[in-house]
Protein backbone atom coordinates (compact mmCIF):
# COMPACT_ATOMS: atom_id res chain seq x y z
CA MET A 1 -14.01 -29.33 8.90
CA LEU A 2 -10.65 -27.98 7.64
CA GLY A 3 -10.81 -30.88 5.08
CA ALA A 4 -13.98 -29.91 3.55
CA MET A 5 -13.38 -26.07 3.24
CA LEU A 6 -10.08 -27.51 1.41
CA ASN A 7 -12.22 -29.73 -0.79
CA ARG A 8 -14.65 -26.76 -1.50
CA VAL A 9 -11.62 -24.39 -2.42
CA ALA A 10 -10.14 -27.08 -4.47
CA THR A 11 -13.25 -26.99 -6.45
CA LEU A 12 -13.63 -23.70 -6.74
CA ARG A 13 -10.19 -23.61 -7.98
CA ALA A 14 -10.98 -26.23 -10.64
CA GLU A 15 -13.85 -24.29 -11.82
CA ILE A 16 -12.22 -21.22 -12.25
CA ALA A 17 -9.28 -22.73 -14.15
CA ALA A 18 -11.76 -23.99 -16.62
CA PHE A 19 -12.70 -20.54 -17.67
CA ASP A 20 -9.23 -18.99 -17.08
CA ALA A 21 -6.55 -21.44 -16.77
CA GLU A 22 -3.63 -18.83 -16.46
CA LEU A 23 -5.43 -16.59 -13.83
CA GLY A 24 -4.47 -18.32 -10.63
CA PRO A 25 -0.59 -19.02 -11.44
CA GLU A 26 -0.56 -15.40 -12.61
CA LEU A 27 -2.12 -13.81 -9.84
CA GLN A 28 -0.12 -15.91 -7.50
CA ASP A 29 3.14 -14.76 -9.13
CA THR A 30 1.93 -10.94 -9.28
CA THR A 31 1.15 -11.05 -4.98
CA ARG A 32 4.42 -12.64 -4.36
CA ARG A 33 6.29 -9.90 -6.47
CA VAL A 34 3.93 -7.04 -4.65
CA VAL A 35 4.83 -8.65 -1.33
CA ALA A 36 8.59 -9.01 -2.09
CA LEU A 37 8.42 -5.01 -3.29
CA VAL A 38 6.89 -4.05 -0.18
CA ARG A 39 9.25 -5.76 2.10
CA LEU A 40 11.82 -3.96 0.31
CA LEU A 41 10.04 -0.55 1.07
CA GLU A 42 9.43 -1.33 4.59
CA ALA A 43 13.04 -0.02 5.88
CA PRO A 44 13.17 2.97 3.85
CA LEU A 45 9.80 4.31 4.38
CA VAL A 46 10.58 4.15 8.34
CA ARG A 47 13.88 5.96 7.58
CA VAL A 48 11.83 8.74 5.68
CA ALA A 49 9.27 8.88 8.59
CA GLU A 50 12.34 9.22 11.18
CA LEU A 51 14.20 11.86 9.12
CA GLU A 52 10.89 14.22 8.72
CA GLN A 53 10.38 13.94 12.42
CA ARG A 54 14.18 14.61 12.91
CA LEU A 55 13.86 17.68 10.27
CA GLY A 56 10.75 19.04 12.37
CA ARG A 57 13.08 19.22 15.70
CA VAL A 58 15.72 20.56 14.04
CA ILE A 59 13.51 23.56 12.79
CA GLY A 60 11.87 23.98 15.88
CA SER A 61 15.63 24.29 17.23
CA VAL A 62 16.46 26.77 14.45
CA GLU A 63 13.20 28.51 15.62
CA ALA A 64 14.33 29.17 19.11
CA SER A 65 17.72 29.75 18.30
CA THR A 66 16.86 32.47 15.72
CA GLY A 67 13.60 34.03 16.96
CA ARG A 68 12.13 33.28 13.80
CA ARG A 69 8.92 31.08 12.95
CA TRP A 70 8.91 29.31 9.69
CA ASP A 71 5.31 29.32 8.29
CA GLY A 72 4.01 26.17 6.62
CA GLU A 73 4.35 27.36 2.90
CA ALA A 74 8.25 27.52 3.65
CA TYR A 75 8.11 24.30 5.05
CA GLU A 76 5.92 22.30 2.27
CA CYS A 77 8.93 24.24 -0.33
CA LEU A 78 11.54 22.68 1.65
CA ALA A 79 9.87 19.47 1.93
CA GLY A 80 9.45 19.82 -1.72
CA GLN A 81 13.43 20.43 -2.43
CA LEU A 82 14.12 17.75 -0.13
CA GLY A 83 11.94 15.04 -2.16
CA LEU A 84 9.33 14.38 0.72
CA LEU A 85 6.66 15.50 -1.54
CA ARG A 86 7.49 13.14 -4.18
CA VAL A 87 7.33 10.54 -1.32
CA ARG A 88 4.07 11.36 -0.53
CA SER A 89 2.66 11.71 -3.78
CA ALA A 90 3.80 8.21 -4.44
CA LEU A 91 2.52 6.76 -1.32
CA LYS A 92 -1.05 8.38 -2.24
CA ARG A 93 -0.83 6.73 -5.69
CA LEU A 94 -0.23 3.37 -4.01
CA GLY A 95 -3.06 3.92 -2.12
CA LEU A 96 -5.63 4.11 -4.76
CA PRO A 97 -5.45 0.50 -6.44
CA GLN A 98 -6.61 -1.43 -3.55
CA PRO A 99 -7.65 -5.17 -4.63
CA ALA A 100 -10.92 -6.12 -3.93
CA ALA A 101 -9.93 -8.69 -1.45
CA THR A 102 -13.32 -9.80 0.26
CA ARG A 103 -16.06 -11.66 -0.74
CA SER A 104 -18.40 -9.44 0.22
CA ALA A 105 -16.64 -6.46 -1.44
CA LEU A 106 -16.75 -8.44 -4.82
CA ARG A 107 -20.55 -9.24 -4.37
CA ALA A 108 -21.08 -5.63 -3.67
CA SER A 109 -19.49 -4.82 -6.86
CA GLY A 110 -21.58 -7.23 -8.74
CA ARG A 111 -18.40 -9.46 -9.74
CA LEU A 112 -19.61 -12.47 -7.17
CA PRO A 113 -22.94 -13.97 -7.42
CA ARG A 114 -24.79 -14.12 -4.18
CA SER A 115 -24.82 -18.22 -3.94
CA LEU A 116 -21.40 -18.33 -3.75
């Protein structure tokens, strides 16, 4: 069963390479680089989330000790000064270009024929 699937995939790769020989190697290289970059971002992103939670707790402590409540507008301005809004904006941009990873997504877009 696995051998048959591997043979089908090998045939498909060969047929694709006949049309665009550089596609497979270029895609593999690009995906390796993306995965490496994401791994580099994991720890700093976790740290940013921890620091933002810590900021929220400290603001709560400041409010409790001073008796003053800070509104959302002041918090957003502070978040901008501390770079949190730039991080949010960057992460939002990353969320936009999602690869069409599934066969059904490719078919729905009209880029993959129904017979495959």
